[in-house]
Amino acid sequence: MNAIFMPQSDISLKRINTKYFNLSGKNLWIEIKHSETIKLFQATNNTYETAHIFERTNAQPYLRLIKNENESDNDAFHRIINFQARSIGKATLQKIEISTKDDVHYFHIFN
C-alpha cells in the first residue's frame, strides 16, 4: 500500500471539491483543489492469477447433487463425473448406473 501523509499545514480547511468514492478499491479519498488532485490513500494495483476451477455452469451440477442427495440426478452426475479428467471410462460409468438402479452402494460395485 502506498499512503501519502501530508502535514496539517499543507491541507487547507477550505475544501473546494471533495469526493469520497471507490474506484475498484483503489482510491479511498480524493480531494481536488484548484485543478490539482491530492490522493490521501492509494492502494497498489496488484493482480494475482486465479484458477477458475468451478465456473457457473460447472458448479450448478454439484449443487444439484448436494441438494438432491437421495434422488438420482443422472444429468448432473454425468456432467461432473469426468470434469477435470478423472479417467473414468464407459465400463465404470455403466457399473455406477447399474448400481444406482439396483440401490447398491458405490463401494460394493468396485470390489
C-alpha atoms as a PDB file:
ATOM      1  CA  MET A   1       0.000   0.000   0.000  1.00  0.00           C
ATOM      2  CA  ASN A   2       1.162   3.482  -0.777  1.00  0.00           C
ATOM      3  CA  ALA A   3      -0.003   6.168   1.597  1.00  0.00           C
ATOM      4  CA  ILE A   4       0.767   9.835   1.322  1.00  0.00           C
ATOM      5  CA  PHE A   5       0.773  11.646   4.636  1.00  0.00           C
ATOM      6  CA  MET A   6       0.765  15.416   4.467  1.00  0.00           C
ATOM      7  CA  PRO A   7       1.400  17.812   7.326  1.00  0.00           C
ATOM      8  CA  GLN A   8      -1.690  19.576   8.643  1.00  0.00           C
ATOM      9  CA  SER A   9      -0.415  22.940   7.398  1.00  0.00           C
ATOM     10  CA  ASP A  10      -0.351  21.699   3.794  1.00  0.00           C
ATOM     11  CA  ILE A  11      -4.034  20.819   3.775  1.00  0.00           C
ATOM     12  CA  SER A  12      -6.247  23.859   3.720  1.00  0.00           C
ATOM     13  CA  LEU A  13      -9.503  23.802   5.632  1.00  0.00           C
ATOM     14  CA  LYS A  14     -11.258  25.314   2.630  1.00  0.00           C
ATOM     15  CA  ARG A  15     -12.421  22.431   0.518  1.00  0.00           C
ATOM     16  CA  ILE A  16     -13.445  23.319  -2.978  1.00  0.00           C
ATOM     17  CA  ASN A  17     -14.415  19.850  -4.143  1.00  0.00           C
ATOM     18  CA  THR A  18     -14.067  16.742  -2.010  1.00  0.00           C
ATOM     19  CA  LYS A  19     -15.096  13.354  -3.322  1.00  0.00           C
ATOM     20  CA  TYR A  20     -15.431  10.170  -1.333  1.00  0.00           C
ATOM     21  CA  PHE A  21     -15.641   7.244  -3.694  1.00  0.00           C
ATOM     22  CA  ASN A  22     -14.089   3.950  -4.516  1.00  0.00           C
ATOM     23  CA  LEU A  23     -12.627   3.199  -7.934  1.00  0.00           C
ATOM     24  CA  SER A  24     -12.323  -0.581  -7.897  1.00  0.00           C
ATOM     25  CA  GLY A  25     -10.952  -0.446  -4.371  1.00  0.00           C
ATOM     26  CA  LYS A  26      -8.003   1.744  -5.297  1.00  0.00           C
ATOM     27  CA  ASN A  27      -8.743   5.274  -4.124  1.00  0.00           C
ATOM     28  CA  LEU A  28     -10.299   5.869  -0.755  1.00  0.00           C
ATOM     29  CA  TRP A  29     -10.332   9.659  -0.616  1.00  0.00           C
ATOM     30  CA  ILE A  30      -9.504  12.171  -3.323  1.00  0.00           C
ATOM     31  CA  GLU A  31      -9.505  15.901  -2.750  1.00  0.00           C
ATOM     32  CA  ILE A  32      -9.473  18.218  -5.730  1.00  0.00           C
ATOM     33  CA  LYS A  33      -8.264  21.782  -5.225  1.00  0.00           C
ATOM     34  CA  HIS A  34      -7.571  24.311  -7.930  1.00  0.00           C
ATOM     35  CA  SER A  35      -7.365  21.612 -10.651  1.00  0.00           C
ATOM     36  CA  GLU A  36      -4.867  19.646  -8.575  1.00  0.00           C
ATOM     37  CA  THR A  37      -5.752  16.169  -7.349  1.00  0.00           C
ATOM     38  CA  ILE A  38      -4.490  15.111  -3.941  1.00  0.00           C
ATOM     39  CA  LYS A  39      -4.794  11.417  -3.198  1.00  0.00           C
ATOM     40  CA  LEU A  40      -4.636  10.762   0.510  1.00  0.00           C
ATOM     41  CA  PHE A  41      -4.721   6.996   0.096  1.00  0.00           C
ATOM     42  CA  GLN A  42      -3.940   4.860  -2.906  1.00  0.00           C
ATOM     43  CA  ALA A  43      -3.605   1.094  -2.901  1.00  0.00           C
ATOM     44  CA  THR A  44      -1.267  -0.633  -5.298  1.00  0.00           C
ATOM     45  CA  ASN A  45      -2.728  -2.377  -8.293  1.00  0.00           C
ATOM     46  CA  ASN A  46      -1.700  -5.986  -7.683  1.00  0.00           C
ATOM     47  CA  THR A  47      -3.219  -8.593  -9.945  1.00  0.00           C
ATOM     48  CA  TYR A  48      -2.978 -12.223  -8.960  1.00  0.00           C
ATOM     49  CA  GLU A  49      -3.671 -15.168 -11.203  1.00  0.00           C
ATOM     50  CA  THR A  50      -6.736 -17.099 -10.227  1.00  0.00           C
ATOM     51  CA  ALA A  51      -7.701 -20.658 -11.012  1.00  0.00           C
ATOM     52  CA  HIS A  52     -11.278 -20.892 -12.181  1.00  0.00           C
ATOM     53  CA  ILE A  53     -11.985 -24.431 -11.027  1.00  0.00           C
ATOM     54  CA  PHE A  54     -15.720 -24.045 -10.833  1.00  0.00           C
ATOM     55  CA  GLU A  55     -17.336 -21.922 -13.458  1.00  0.00           C
ATOM     56  CA  ARG A  56     -21.009 -21.192 -13.001  1.00  0.00           C
ATOM     57  CA  THR A  57     -22.107 -23.898 -15.431  1.00  0.00           C
ATOM     58  CA  ASN A  58     -19.876 -26.475 -13.751  1.00  0.00           C
ATOM     59  CA  ALA A  59     -20.873 -25.537 -10.202  1.00  0.00           C
ATOM     60  CA  GLN A  60     -24.605 -25.966 -10.768  1.00  0.00           C
ATOM     61  CA  PRO A  61     -24.486 -29.789 -11.149  1.00  0.00           C
ATOM     62  CA  TYR A  62     -22.522 -30.074  -7.888  1.00  0.00           C
ATOM     63  CA  LEU A  63     -25.167 -28.033  -6.106  1.00  0.00           C
ATOM     64  CA  ARG A  64     -27.959 -30.106  -7.655  1.00  0.00           C
ATOM     65  CA  LEU A  65     -26.337 -33.339  -6.434  1.00  0.00           C
ATOM     66  CA  ILE A  66     -25.876 -31.916  -2.940  1.00  0.00           C
ATOM     67  CA  LYS A  67     -29.475 -30.722  -2.821  1.00  0.00           C
ATOM     68  CA  ASN A  68     -30.943 -33.968  -4.187  1.00  0.00           C
ATOM     69  CA  GLU A  69     -28.673 -36.452  -2.448  1.00  0.00           C
ATOM     70  CA  ASN A  70     -31.410 -39.079  -2.085  1.00  0.00           C
ATOM     71  CA  GLU A  71     -32.724 -38.707  -5.625  1.00  0.00           C
ATOM     72  CA  SER A  72     -30.913 -39.725  -8.774  1.00  0.00           C
ATOM     73  CA  ASP A  73     -29.891 -36.831 -10.981  1.00  0.00           C
ATOM     74  CA  ASN A  74     -28.106 -38.529 -13.862  1.00  0.00           C
ATOM     75  CA  ASP A  75     -27.616 -35.353 -15.876  1.00  0.00           C
ATOM     76  CA  ALA A  76     -25.775 -33.642 -13.045  1.00  0.00           C
ATOM     77  CA  PHE A  77     -23.775 -36.778 -12.283  1.00  0.00           C
ATOM     78  CA  HIS A  78     -22.641 -37.199 -15.901  1.00  0.00           C
ATOM     79  CA  ARG A  79     -21.770 -33.518 -16.073  1.00  0.00           C
ATOM     80  CA  ILE A  80     -19.337 -33.695 -13.151  1.00  0.00           C
ATOM     81  CA  ILE A  81     -18.019 -37.264 -13.294  1.00  0.00           C
ATOM     82  CA  ASN A  82     -15.241 -36.570 -15.798  1.00  0.00           C
ATOM     83  CA  PHE A  83     -14.842 -32.854 -15.234  1.00  0.00           C
ATOM     84  CA  GLN A  84     -11.110 -32.301 -14.618  1.00  0.00           C
ATOM     85  CA  ALA A  85     -10.181 -35.629 -16.283  1.00  0.00           C
ATOM     86  CA  ARG A  86     -10.716 -38.290 -13.659  1.00  0.00           C
ATOM     87  CA  SER A  87     -10.072 -41.117 -16.158  1.00  0.00           C
ATOM     88  CA  ILE A  88     -13.399 -42.821 -15.616  1.00  0.00           C
ATOM     89  CA  GLY A  89     -14.315 -44.929 -18.615  1.00  0.00           C
ATOM     90  CA  LYS A  90     -17.568 -46.185 -20.098  1.00  0.00           C
ATOM     91  CA  ALA A  91     -17.407 -49.533 -18.278  1.00  0.00           C
ATOM     92  CA  THR A  92     -17.111 -47.844 -14.891  1.00  0.00           C
ATOM     93  CA  LEU A  93     -19.950 -45.473 -15.750  1.00  0.00           C
ATOM     94  CA  GLN A  94     -22.139 -48.455 -16.683  1.00  0.00           C
ATOM     95  CA  LYS A  95     -21.362 -50.134 -13.343  1.00  0.00           C
ATOM     96  CA  ILE A  96     -22.278 -46.957 -11.489  1.00  0.00           C
ATOM     97  CA  GLU A  97     -25.546 -46.602 -13.416  1.00  0.00           C
ATOM     98  CA  ILE A  98     -26.475 -50.240 -12.716  1.00  0.00           C
ATOM     99  CA  SER A  99     -25.746 -49.766  -9.023  1.00  0.00           C
ATOM    100  CA  THR A 100     -27.971 -46.699  -8.840  1.00  0.00           C
ATOM    101  CA  LYS A 101     -30.852 -48.572 -10.451  1.00  0.00           C
ATOM    102  CA  ASP A 102     -30.454 -51.533  -8.074  1.00  0.00           C
ATOM    103  CA  ASP A 103     -29.859 -49.349  -4.981  1.00  0.00           C
ATOM    104  CA  VAL A 104     -26.379 -50.803  -4.455  1.00  0.00           C
ATOM    105  CA  HIS A 105     -23.781 -48.595  -2.783  1.00  0.00           C
ATOM    106  CA  TYR A 106     -20.879 -47.440  -4.961  1.00  0.00           C
ATOM    107  CA  PHE A 107     -18.277 -49.166  -2.797  1.00  0.00           C
ATOM    108  CA  HIS A 108     -19.781 -52.612  -3.452  1.00  0.00           C
ATOM    109  CA  ILE A 109     -19.540 -52.445  -7.229  1.00  0.00           C
ATOM    110  CA  PHE A 110     -15.776 -51.887  -7.306  1.00  0.00           C
ATOM    111  CA  ASN A 111     -14.866 -54.852  -5.071  1.00  0.00           C
END
